[in-house]
Amino acid sequence: MFSGGDYDEVGRWLWNFTTAHAKRENLRAEARVDSEGPRAGRSYGLRLTLGEQLAPPAGAPPLELSFADVAAGRGHLAWCDDLAARVRSLARGLSGAGQTTRQTA
């Protein structure tokens, strides 16, 4: 694994990582990583979507992750495992989670 990187690179990694783990719970789940406005260069706001549903729900704050924590943490398996578990829990909370799964013949 690797750590460090600039803000945009770390944000792309975060989006890829969270999307992959959300889709393990529901193939239609998507990640949204907000890095604009007051967060720019400092932190990321993370939400998952499934159709019109959001997790955390609208009106609740998104999962906040500081740039420094993500940049350093992405190089550590334990940190990644913790984030994966949090993302998968959010994805399970979306209605219909688990209904769209990969099927084998």
PDB file of N, CA and C in Angstrom:
ATOM      1  N   MET A   1       0.846  -1.177   0.000  1.00  0.00           N
ATOM      2  CA  MET A   1       0.000   0.000   0.000  1.00  0.00           C
ATOM      3  C   MET A   1       0.889   1.236   0.000  1.00  0.00           C
ATOM      4  N   PHE A   2       0.285   2.358  -0.208  1.00  0.00           N
ATOM      5  CA  PHE A   2       1.026   3.605  -0.326  1.00  0.00           C
ATOM      6  C   PHE A   2       0.317   4.687   0.465  1.00  0.00           C
ATOM      7  N   SER A   3       1.060   5.666   0.900  1.00  0.00           N
ATOM      8  CA  SER A   3       0.461   6.797   1.600  1.00  0.00           C
ATOM      9  C   SER A   3       0.981   8.070   0.970  1.00  0.00           C
ATOM     10  N   GLY A   4       0.423   9.182   1.403  1.00  0.00           N
ATOM     11  CA  GLY A   4       0.828  10.465   0.859  1.00  0.00           C
ATOM     12  C   GLY A   4       0.069  10.798  -0.406  1.00  0.00           C
ATOM     13  N   GLY A   5       0.595  11.759  -1.172  1.00  0.00           N
ATOM     14  CA  GLY A   5      -0.042  12.208  -2.400  1.00  0.00           C
ATOM     15  C   GLY A   5      -0.646  13.579  -2.227  1.00  0.00           C
ATOM     16  N   ASP A   6      -0.964  14.204  -3.360  1.00  0.00           N
ATOM     17  CA  ASP A   6      -1.591  15.523  -3.280  1.00  0.00           C
ATOM     18  C   ASP A   6      -3.096  15.372  -3.051  1.00  0.00           C
ATOM     19  N   TYR A   7      -3.756  16.471  -2.805  1.00  0.00           N
ATOM     20  CA  TYR A   7      -5.165  16.468  -2.426  1.00  0.00           C
ATOM     21  C   TYR A   7      -6.046  15.787  -3.473  1.00  0.00           C
ATOM     22  N   ASP A   8      -5.839  16.105  -4.746  1.00  0.00           N
ATOM     23  CA  ASP A   8      -6.665  15.511  -5.798  1.00  0.00           C
ATOM     24  C   ASP A   8      -6.414  14.013  -5.943  1.00  0.00           C
ATOM     25  N   GLU A   9      -5.164  13.597  -5.886  1.00  0.00           N
ATOM     26  CA  GLU A   9      -4.826  12.176  -5.992  1.00  0.00           C
ATOM     27  C   GLU A   9      -5.441  11.379  -4.841  1.00  0.00           C
ATOM     28  N   VAL A  10      -5.332  11.901  -3.639  1.00  0.00           N
ATOM     29  CA  VAL A  10      -5.899  11.231  -2.470  1.00  0.00           C
ATOM     30  C   VAL A  10      -7.424  11.187  -2.585  1.00  0.00           C
ATOM     31  N   GLY A  11      -8.026  12.248  -3.089  1.00  0.00           N
ATOM     32  CA  GLY A  11      -9.478  12.265  -3.297  1.00  0.00           C
ATOM     33  C   GLY A  11      -9.928  11.217  -4.305  1.00  0.00           C
ATOM     34  N   ARG A  12      -9.177  11.040  -5.386  1.00  0.00           N
ATOM     35  CA  ARG A  12      -9.511   9.994  -6.367  1.00  0.00           C
ATOM     36  C   ARG A  12      -9.390   8.609  -5.736  1.00  0.00           C
ATOM     37  N   TRP A  13      -8.320   8.411  -4.961  1.00  0.00           N
ATOM     38  CA  TRP A  13      -8.166   7.133  -4.274  1.00  0.00           C
ATOM     39  C   TRP A  13      -9.355   6.888  -3.356  1.00  0.00           C
ATOM     40  N   LEU A  14      -9.764   7.898  -2.580  1.00  0.00           N
ATOM     41  CA  LEU A  14     -10.883   7.765  -1.645  1.00  0.00           C
ATOM     42  C   LEU A  14     -12.163   7.406  -2.388  1.00  0.00           C
ATOM     43  N   TRP A  15     -12.419   8.061  -3.515  1.00  0.00           N
ATOM     44  CA  TRP A  15     -13.613   7.764  -4.295  1.00  0.00           C
ATOM     45  C   TRP A  15     -13.577   6.315  -4.792  1.00  0.00           C
ATOM     46  N   ASN A  16     -12.462   5.886  -5.360  1.00  0.00           N
ATOM     47  CA  ASN A  16     -12.338   4.507  -5.848  1.00  0.00           C
ATOM     48  C   ASN A  16     -12.516   3.494  -4.726  1.00  0.00           C
ATOM     49  N   PHE A  17     -11.860   3.729  -3.609  1.00  0.00           N
ATOM     50  CA  PHE A  17     -11.916   2.821  -2.472  1.00  0.00           C
ATOM     51  C   PHE A  17     -13.340   2.706  -1.934  1.00  0.00           C
ATOM     52  N   THR A  18     -13.989   3.844  -1.708  1.00  0.00           N
ATOM     53  CA  THR A  18     -15.332   3.812  -1.122  1.00  0.00           C
ATOM     54  C   THR A  18     -16.360   3.259  -2.105  1.00  0.00           C
ATOM     55  N   THR A  19     -16.212   3.555  -3.387  1.00  0.00           N
ATOM     56  CA  THR A  19     -17.119   2.994  -4.384  1.00  0.00           C
ATOM     57  C   THR A  19     -16.998   1.476  -4.412  1.00  0.00           C
ATOM     58  N   ALA A  20     -15.786   0.968  -4.436  1.00  0.00           N
ATOM     59  CA  ALA A  20     -15.573  -0.480  -4.483  1.00  0.00           C
ATOM     60  C   ALA A  20     -16.199  -1.182  -3.283  1.00  0.00           C
ATOM     61  N   HIS A  21     -16.043  -0.606  -2.090  1.00  0.00           N
ATOM     62  CA  HIS A  21     -16.585  -1.260  -0.899  1.00  0.00           C
ATOM     63  C   HIS A  21     -18.097  -1.097  -0.802  1.00  0.00           C
ATOM     64  N   ALA A  22     -18.645   0.014  -1.249  1.00  0.00           N
ATOM     65  CA  ALA A  22     -20.103   0.174  -1.265  1.00  0.00           C
ATOM     66  C   ALA A  22     -20.737  -0.832  -2.219  1.00  0.00           C
ATOM     67  N   LYS A  23     -20.107  -1.053  -3.359  1.00  0.00           N
ATOM     68  CA  LYS A  23     -20.650  -1.985  -4.342  1.00  0.00           C
ATOM     69  C   LYS A  23     -20.579  -3.441  -3.875  1.00  0.00           C
ATOM     70  N   ARG A  24     -19.795  -3.730  -2.877  1.00  0.00           N
ATOM     71  CA  ARG A  24     -19.793  -5.081  -2.314  1.00  0.00           C
ATOM     72  C   ARG A  24     -21.097  -5.369  -1.589  1.00  0.00           C
ATOM     73  N   GLU A  25     -21.784  -4.311  -1.181  1.00  0.00           N
ATOM     74  CA  GLU A  25     -23.078  -4.468  -0.526  1.00  0.00           C
ATOM     75  C   GLU A  25     -24.223  -4.333  -1.518  1.00  0.00           C
ATOM     76  N   ASN A  26     -24.072  -3.466  -2.510  1.00  0.00           N
ATOM     77  CA  ASN A  26     -25.109  -3.263  -3.517  1.00  0.00           C
ATOM     78  C   ASN A  26     -24.442  -2.699  -4.766  1.00  0.00           C
ATOM     79  N   LEU A  27     -24.594  -3.393  -5.883  1.00  0.00           N
ATOM     80  CA  LEU A  27     -23.930  -2.976  -7.117  1.00  0.00           C
ATOM     81  C   LEU A  27     -24.370  -1.606  -7.610  1.00  0.00           C
ATOM     82  N   ARG A  28     -25.542  -1.147  -7.184  1.00  0.00           N
ATOM     83  CA  ARG A  28     -26.032   0.164  -7.622  1.00  0.00           C
ATOM     84  C   ARG A  28     -25.578   1.309  -6.722  1.00  0.00           C
ATOM     85  N   ALA A  29     -24.954   1.009  -5.614  1.00  0.00           N
ATOM     86  CA  ALA A  29     -24.487   2.050  -4.686  1.00  0.00           C
ATOM     87  C   ALA A  29     -23.315   2.805  -5.311  1.00  0.00           C
ATOM     88  N   GLU A  30     -23.276   4.085  -5.070  1.00  0.00           N
ATOM     89  CA  GLU A  30     -22.203   4.947  -5.580  1.00  0.00           C
ATOM     90  C   GLU A  30     -21.692   5.822  -4.438  1.00  0.00           C
ATOM     91  N   ALA A  31     -20.445   6.211  -4.534  1.00  0.00           N
ATOM     92  CA  ALA A  31     -19.852   7.123  -3.551  1.00  0.00           C
ATOM     93  C   ALA A  31     -19.840   8.532  -4.121  1.00  0.00           C
ATOM     94  N   ARG A  32     -20.045   9.489  -3.253  1.00  0.00           N
ATOM     95  CA  ARG A  32     -19.887  10.914  -3.576  1.00  0.00           C
ATOM     96  C   ARG A  32     -18.861  11.474  -2.607  1.00  0.00           C
ATOM     97  N   VAL A  33     -17.803  12.013  -3.146  1.00  0.00           N
ATOM     98  CA  VAL A  33     -16.767  12.617  -2.320  1.00  0.00           C
ATOM     99  C   VAL A  33     -16.769  14.114  -2.619  1.00  0.00           C
ATOM    100  N   ASP A  34     -17.158  14.898  -1.629  1.00  0.00           N
ATOM    101  CA  ASP A  34     -17.200  16.353  -1.768  1.00  0.00           C
ATOM    102  C   ASP A  34     -15.850  16.927  -1.345  1.00  0.00           C
ATOM    103  N   SER A  35     -15.242  17.649  -2.250  1.00  0.00           N
ATOM    104  CA  SER A  35     -13.941  18.265  -1.955  1.00  0.00           C
ATOM    105  C   SER A  35     -13.930  19.734  -2.331  1.00  0.00           C
ATOM    106  N   GLU A  36     -15.097  20.314  -2.481  1.00  0.00           N
ATOM    107  CA  GLU A  36     -15.233  21.708  -2.907  1.00  0.00           C
ATOM    108  C   GLU A  36     -15.470  22.634  -1.713  1.00  0.00           C
ATOM    109  N   GLY A  37     -15.447  23.912  -2.004  1.00  0.00           N
ATOM    110  CA  GLY A  37     -15.773  24.924  -1.011  1.00  0.00           C
ATOM    111  C   GLY A  37     -14.817  24.930   0.163  1.00  0.00           C
ATOM    112  N   PRO A  38     -15.367  25.013   1.378  1.00  0.00           N
ATOM    113  CA  PRO A  38     -14.501  25.117   2.559  1.00  0.00           C
ATOM    114  C   PRO A  38     -13.652  23.866   2.808  1.00  0.00           C
ATOM    115  N   ARG A  39     -14.014  22.741   2.187  1.00  0.00           N
ATOM    116  CA  ARG A  39     -13.222  21.523   2.352  1.00  0.00           C
ATOM    117  C   ARG A  39     -11.960  21.511   1.485  1.00  0.00           C
ATOM    118  N   ALA A  40     -11.956  22.273   0.408  1.00  0.00           N
ATOM    119  CA  ALA A  40     -10.882  22.209  -0.591  1.00  0.00           C
ATOM    120  C   ALA A  40      -9.502  22.246   0.058  1.00  0.00           C
ATOM    121  N   GLY A  41      -8.741  21.202  -0.206  1.00  0.00           N
ATOM    122  CA  GLY A  41      -7.386  21.115   0.301  1.00  0.00           C
ATOM    123  C   GLY A  41      -7.260  20.667   1.745  1.00  0.00           C
ATOM    124  N   ARG A  42      -8.394  20.533   2.450  1.00  0.00           N
ATOM    125  CA  ARG A  42      -8.341  20.213   3.885  1.00  0.00           C
ATOM    126  C   ARG A  42      -9.015  18.912   4.269  1.00  0.00           C
ATOM    127  N   SER A  43     -10.173  18.623   3.638  1.00  0.00           N
ATOM    128  CA  SER A  43     -10.946  17.451   4.048  1.00  0.00           C
ATOM    129  C   SER A  43     -11.843  16.991   2.911  1.00  0.00           C
ATOM    130  N   TYR A  44     -12.535  15.872   3.173  1.00  0.00           N
ATOM    131  CA  TYR A  44     -13.489  15.312   2.221  1.00  0.00           C
ATOM    132  C   TYR A  44     -14.782  15.006   2.968  1.00  0.00           C
ATOM    133  N   GLY A  45     -15.891  15.229   2.295  1.00  0.00           N
ATOM    134  CA  GLY A  45     -17.196  14.830   2.826  1.00  0.00           C
ATOM    135  C   GLY A  45     -17.685  13.642   2.015  1.00  0.00           C
ATOM    136  N   LEU A  46     -18.001  12.550   2.674  1.00  0.00           N
ATOM    137  CA  LEU A  46     -18.363  11.314   1.980  1.00  0.00           C
ATOM    138  C   LEU A  46     -19.819  10.958   2.229  1.00  0.00           C
ATOM    139  N   ARG A  47     -20.520  10.659   1.145  1.00  0.00           N
ATOM    140  CA  ARG A  47     -21.876  10.114   1.201  1.00  0.00           C
ATOM    141  C   ARG A  47     -21.957   8.983   0.191  1.00  0.00           C
ATOM    142  N   LEU A  48     -22.874   8.068   0.434  1.00  0.00           N
ATOM    143  CA  LEU A  48     -23.203   7.029  -0.532  1.00  0.00           C
ATOM    144  C   LEU A  48     -24.585   7.316  -1.079  1.00  0.00           C
ATOM    145  N   THR A  49     -24.808   6.931  -2.320  1.00  0.00           N
ATOM    146  CA  THR A  49     -26.121   7.101  -2.929  1.00  0.00           C
ATOM    147  C   THR A  49     -26.608   5.773  -3.473  1.00  0.00           C
ATOM    148  N   LEU A  50     -27.909   5.626  -3.450  1.00  0.00           N
ATOM    149  CA  LEU A  50     -28.587   4.511  -4.096  1.00  0.00           C
ATOM    150  C   LEU A  50     -29.877   5.104  -4.634  1.00  0.00           C
ATOM    151  N   GLY A  51     -29.886   5.381  -5.918  1.00  0.00           N
ATOM    152  CA  GLY A  51     -31.010   6.114  -6.484  1.00  0.00           C
ATOM    153  C   GLY A  51     -31.067   7.497  -5.859  1.00  0.00           C
ATOM    154  N   GLU A  52     -32.189   7.828  -5.257  1.00  0.00           N
ATOM    155  CA  GLU A  52     -32.360   9.125  -4.613  1.00  0.00           C
ATOM    156  C   GLU A  52     -31.965   9.116  -3.141  1.00  0.00           C
ATOM    157  N   GLN A  53     -31.662   7.948  -2.617  1.00  0.00           N
ATOM    158  CA  GLN A  53     -31.328   7.854  -1.194  1.00  0.00           C
ATOM    159  C   GLN A  53     -29.870   8.199  -0.941  1.00  0.00           C
ATOM    160  N   LEU A  54     -29.648   8.802   0.220  1.00  0.00           N
ATOM    161  CA  LEU A  54     -28.304   9.174   0.644  1.00  0.00           C
ATOM    162  C   LEU A  54     -27.990   8.547   2.000  1.00  0.00           C
ATOM    163  N   ALA A  55     -26.739   8.201   2.187  1.00  0.00           N
ATOM    164  CA  ALA A  55     -26.270   7.752   3.495  1.00  0.00           C
ATOM    165  C   ALA A  55     -24.924   8.425   3.739  1.00  0.00           C
ATOM    166  N   PRO A  56     -24.753   9.151   4.813  1.00  0.00           N
ATOM    167  CA  PRO A  56     -25.774   9.588   5.749  1.00  0.00           C
ATOM    168  C   PRO A  56     -26.880  10.378   5.028  1.00  0.00           C
ATOM    169  N   PRO A  57     -28.075  10.369   5.598  1.00  0.00           N
ATOM    170  CA  PRO A  57     -29.218  10.994   4.935  1.00  0.00           C
ATOM    171  C   PRO A  57     -29.061  12.506   4.797  1.00  0.00           C
ATOM    172  N   ALA A  58     -29.821  13.068   3.851  1.00  0.00           N
ATOM    173  CA  ALA A  58     -29.836  14.519   3.670  1.00  0.00           C
ATOM    174  C   ALA A  58     -30.227  15.163   4.992  1.00  0.00           C
ATOM    175  N   GLY A  59     -29.604  16.255   5.319  1.00  0.00           N
ATOM    176  CA  GLY A  59     -29.847  16.935   6.583  1.00  0.00           C
ATOM    177  C   GLY A  59     -28.859  16.529   7.655  1.00  0.00           C
ATOM    178  N   ALA A  60     -28.273  15.354   7.518  1.00  0.00           N
ATOM    179  CA  ALA A  60     -27.224  14.902   8.444  1.00  0.00           C
ATOM    180  C   ALA A  60     -25.874  15.222   7.803  1.00  0.00           C
ATOM    181  N   PRO A  61     -24.882  15.474   8.610  1.00  0.00           N
ATOM    182  CA  PRO A  61     -23.565  15.767   8.021  1.00  0.00           C
ATOM    183  C   PRO A  61     -22.989  14.526   7.345  1.00  0.00           C
ATOM    184  N   PRO A  62     -22.215  14.731   6.285  1.00  0.00           N
ATOM    185  CA  PRO A  62     -21.559  13.582   5.659  1.00  0.00           C
ATOM    186  C   PRO A  62     -20.464  13.039   6.563  1.00  0.00           C
ATOM    187  N   LEU A  63     -19.950  11.897   6.219  1.00  0.00           N
ATOM    188  CA  LEU A  63     -18.793  11.355   6.908  1.00  0.00           C
ATOM    189  C   LEU A  63     -17.618  12.259   6.555  1.00  0.00           C
ATOM    190  N   GLU A  64     -17.011  12.881   7.548  1.00  0.00           N
ATOM    191  CA  GLU A  64     -15.905  13.823   7.333  1.00  0.00           C
ATOM    192  C   GLU A  64     -14.573  13.114   7.529  1.00  0.00           C
ATOM    193  N   LEU A  65     -13.712  13.254   6.556  1.00  0.00           N
ATOM    194  CA  LEU A  65     -12.384  12.663   6.614  1.00  0.00           C
ATOM    195  C   LEU A  65     -11.375  13.748   6.273  1.00  0.00           C
ATOM    196  N   SER A  66     -10.404  13.955   7.130  1.00  0.00           N
ATOM    197  CA  SER A  66      -9.404  14.986   6.850  1.00  0.00           C
ATOM    198  C   SER A  66      -8.439  14.487   5.780  1.00  0.00           C
ATOM    199  N   PHE A  67      -7.931  15.410   4.983  1.00  0.00           N
ATOM    200  CA  PHE A  67      -6.953  15.074   3.962  1.00  0.00           C
ATOM    201  C   PHE A  67      -5.747  14.377   4.584  1.00  0.00           C
ATOM    202  N   ALA A  68      -5.251  14.908   5.694  1.00  0.00           N
ATOM    203  CA  ALA A  68      -4.067  14.330   6.337  1.00  0.00           C
ATOM    204  C   ALA A  68      -4.323  12.895   6.780  1.00  0.00           C
ATOM    205  N   ASP A  69      -5.501  12.625   7.353  1.00  0.00           N
ATOM    206  CA  ASP A  69      -5.816  11.270   7.804  1.00  0.00           C
ATOM    207  C   ASP A  69      -5.912  10.288   6.634  1.00  0.00           C
ATOM    208  N   VAL A  70      -6.574  10.702   5.558  1.00  0.00           N
ATOM    209  CA  VAL A  70      -6.720   9.814   4.403  1.00  0.00           C
ATOM    210  C   VAL A  70      -5.369   9.585   3.735  1.00  0.00           C
ATOM    211  N   ALA A  71      -4.602  10.656   3.558  1.00  0.00           N
ATOM    212  CA  ALA A  71      -3.291  10.530   2.908  1.00  0.00           C
ATOM    213  C   ALA A  71      -2.384   9.584   3.685  1.00  0.00           C
ATOM    214  N   ALA A  72      -2.393   9.687   4.996  1.00  0.00           N
ATOM    215  CA  ALA A  72      -1.557   8.819   5.821  1.00  0.00           C
ATOM    216  C   ALA A  72      -2.172   7.430   5.968  1.00  0.00           C
ATOM    217  N   GLY A  73      -3.483   7.361   6.142  1.00  0.00           N
ATOM    218  CA  GLY A  73      -4.160   6.106   6.426  1.00  0.00           C
ATOM    219  C   GLY A  73      -4.221   5.145   5.270  1.00  0.00           C
ATOM    220  N   ARG A  74      -4.241   5.650   4.057  1.00  0.00           N
ATOM    221  CA  ARG A  74      -4.387   4.749   2.919  1.00  0.00           C
ATOM    222  C   ARG A  74      -3.189   3.820   2.755  1.00  0.00           C
ATOM    223  N   GLY A  75      -2.135   4.083   3.470  1.00  0.00           N
ATOM    224  CA  GLY A  75      -0.970   3.211   3.461  1.00  0.00           C
ATOM    225  C   GLY A  75      -0.962   2.187   4.570  1.00  0.00           C
ATOM    226  N   HIS A  76      -2.044   2.119   5.351  1.00  0.00           N
ATOM    227  CA  HIS A  76      -2.094   1.212   6.505  1.00  0.00           C
ATOM    228  C   HIS A  76      -3.322   0.313   6.424  1.00  0.00           C
ATOM    229  N   LEU A  77      -3.105  -0.976   6.415  1.00  0.00           N
ATOM    230  CA  LEU A  77      -4.179  -1.942   6.250  1.00  0.00           C
ATOM    231  C   LEU A  77      -5.260  -1.804   7.319  1.00  0.00           C
ATOM    232  N   ALA A  78      -4.884  -1.605   8.566  1.00  0.00           N
ATOM    233  CA  ALA A  78      -5.877  -1.500   9.636  1.00  0.00           C
ATOM    234  C   ALA A  78      -6.792  -0.297   9.416  1.00  0.00           C
ATOM    235  N   TRP A  79      -6.222   0.829   8.991  1.00  0.00           N
ATOM    236  CA  TRP A  79      -7.033   2.026   8.730  1.00  0.00           C
ATOM    237  C   TRP A  79      -7.980   1.758   7.568  1.00  0.00           C
ATOM    238  N   CYS A  80      -7.476   1.127   6.524  1.00  0.00           N
ATOM    239  CA  CYS A  80      -8.308   0.809   5.363  1.00  0.00           C
ATOM    240  C   CYS A  80      -9.431  -0.160   5.733  1.00  0.00           C
ATOM    241  N   ASP A  81      -9.126  -1.148   6.557  1.00  0.00           N
ATOM    242  CA  ASP A  81     -10.157  -2.090   7.009  1.00  0.00           C
ATOM    243  C   ASP A  81     -11.263  -1.373   7.771  1.00  0.00           C
ATOM    244  N   ASP A  82     -10.884  -0.424   8.629  1.00  0.00           N
ATOM    245  CA  ASP A  82     -11.866   0.335   9.395  1.00  0.00           C
ATOM    246  C   ASP A  82     -12.752   1.169   8.463  1.00  0.00           C
ATOM    247  N   LEU A  83     -12.148   1.854   7.509  1.00  0.00           N
ATOM    248  CA  LEU A  83     -12.934   2.665   6.572  1.00  0.00           C
ATOM    249  C   LEU A  83     -13.835   1.775   5.730  1.00  0.00           C
ATOM    250  N   ALA A  84     -13.333   0.641   5.268  1.00  0.00           N
ATOM    251  CA  ALA A  84     -14.151  -0.282   4.474  1.00  0.00           C
ATOM    252  C   ALA A  84     -15.368  -0.741   5.267  1.00  0.00           C
ATOM    253  N   ALA A  85     -15.190  -1.053   6.538  1.00  0.00           N
ATOM    254  CA  ALA A  85     -16.306  -1.485   7.378  1.00  0.00           C
ATOM    255  C   ALA A  85     -17.331  -0.365   7.545  1.00  0.00           C
ATOM    256  N   ARG A  86     -16.863   0.859   7.727  1.00  0.00           N
ATOM    257  CA  ARG A  86     -17.783   2.004   7.865  1.00  0.00           C
ATOM    258  C   ARG A  86     -18.583   2.213   6.581  1.00  0.00           C
ATOM    259  N   VAL A  87     -17.909   2.128   5.442  1.00  0.00           N
ATOM    260  CA  VAL A  87     -18.573   2.329   4.147  1.00  0.00           C
ATOM    261  C   VAL A  87     -19.586   1.212   3.896  1.00  0.00           C
ATOM    262  N   ARG A  88     -19.209  -0.007   4.159  1.00  0.00           N
ATOM    263  CA  ARG A  88     -20.123  -1.124   3.935  1.00  0.00           C
ATOM    264  C   ARG A  88     -21.335  -1.039   4.851  1.00  0.00           C
ATOM    265  N   SER A  89     -21.146  -0.558   6.072  1.00  0.00           N
ATOM    266  CA  SER A  89     -22.268  -0.369   6.986  1.00  0.00           C
ATOM    267  C   SER A  89     -23.222   0.694   6.449  1.00  0.00           C
ATOM    268  N   LEU A  90     -22.677   1.795   5.953  1.00  0.00           N
ATOM    269  CA  LEU A  90     -23.528   2.826   5.341  1.00  0.00           C
ATOM    270  C   LEU A  90     -24.294   2.263   4.157  1.00  0.00           C
ATOM    271  N   ALA A  91     -23.631   1.476   3.323  1.00  0.00           N
ATOM    272  CA  ALA A  91     -24.271   0.908   2.136  1.00  0.00           C
ATOM    273  C   ALA A  91     -25.398  -0.046   2.521  1.00  0.00           C
ATOM    274  N   ARG A  92     -25.198  -0.830   3.575  1.00  0.00           N
ATOM    275  CA  ARG A  92     -26.258  -1.741   4.033  1.00  0.00           C
ATOM    276  C   ARG A  92     -27.471  -0.964   4.525  1.00  0.00           C
ATOM    277  N   GLY A  93     -27.253   0.251   5.023  1.00  0.00           N
ATOM    278  CA  GLY A  93     -28.343   1.063   5.528  1.00  0.00           C
ATOM    279  C   GLY A  93     -29.233   1.650   4.454  1.00  0.00           C
ATOM    280  N   LEU A  94     -28.762   1.658   3.236  1.00  0.00           N
ATOM    281  CA  LEU A  94     -29.596   2.157   2.138  1.00  0.00           C
ATOM    282  C   LEU A  94     -30.665   1.120   1.823  1.00  0.00           C
ATOM    283  N   SER A  95     -31.891   1.564   1.524  1.00  0.00           N
ATOM    284  CA  SER A  95     -32.954   0.593   1.246  1.00  0.00           C
ATOM    285  C   SER A  95     -32.606  -0.218   0.010  1.00  0.00           C
ATOM    286  N   GLY A  96     -32.936  -1.457   0.053  1.00  0.00           N
ATOM    287  CA  GLY A  96     -32.651  -2.344  -1.069  1.00  0.00           C
ATOM    288  C   GLY A  96     -31.241  -2.890  -1.066  1.00  0.00           C
ATOM    289  N   ALA A  97     -30.433  -2.533  -0.061  1.00  0.00           N
ATOM    290  CA  ALA A  97     -29.060  -3.027  -0.024  1.00  0.00           C
ATOM    291  C   ALA A  97     -29.068  -4.540  -0.011  1.00  0.00           C
ATOM    292  N   GLY A  98     -28.220  -5.105  -0.807  1.00  0.00           N
ATOM    293  CA  GLY A  98     -28.127  -6.551  -0.900  1.00  0.00           C
ATOM    294  C   GLY A  98     -29.050  -7.152  -1.932  1.00  0.00           C
ATOM    295  N   GLN A  99     -29.971  -6.363  -2.508  1.00  0.00           N
ATOM    296  CA  GLN A  99     -30.893  -6.903  -3.490  1.00  0.00           C
ATOM    297  C   GLN A  99     -30.261  -7.002  -4.872  1.00  0.00           C
ATOM    298  N   THR A 100     -29.287  -6.178  -5.163  1.00  0.00           N
ATOM    299  CA  THR A 100     -28.618  -6.225  -6.456  1.00  0.00           C
ATOM    300  C   THR A 100     -27.221  -6.763  -6.235  1.00  0.00           C
ATOM    301  N   THR A 101     -27.090  -8.051  -6.336  1.00  0.00           N
ATOM    302  CA  THR A 101     -25.799  -8.678  -6.107  1.00  0.00           C
ATOM    303  C   THR A 101     -25.357  -9.414  -7.362  1.00  0.00           C
ATOM    304  N   ARG A 102     -24.073  -9.680  -7.430  1.00  0.00           N
ATOM    305  CA  ARG A 102     -23.552 -10.455  -8.560  1.00  0.00           C
ATOM    306  C   ARG A 102     -24.029 -11.890  -8.405  1.00  0.00           C
ATOM    307  N   GLN A 103     -24.471 -12.447  -9.501  1.00  0.00           N
ATOM    308  CA  GLN A 103     -24.929 -13.834  -9.473  1.00  0.00           C
ATOM    309  C   GLN A 103     -24.055 -14.661 -10.399  1.00  0.00           C
ATOM    310  N   THR A 104     -23.788 -15.873  -9.976  1.00  0.00           N
ATOM    311  CA  THR A 104     -23.038 -16.774 -10.826  1.00  0.00           C
ATOM    312  C   THR A 104     -23.973 -17.828 -11.386  1.00  0.00           C
ATOM    313  N   ALA A 105     -23.646 -18.301 -12.551  1.00  0.00           N
ATOM    314  CA  ALA A 105     -24.506 -19.294 -13.208  1.00  0.00           C
ATOM    315  C   ALA A 105     -24.299 -20.671 -12.650  1.00  0.00           C
TER     316      ALA A 105
END
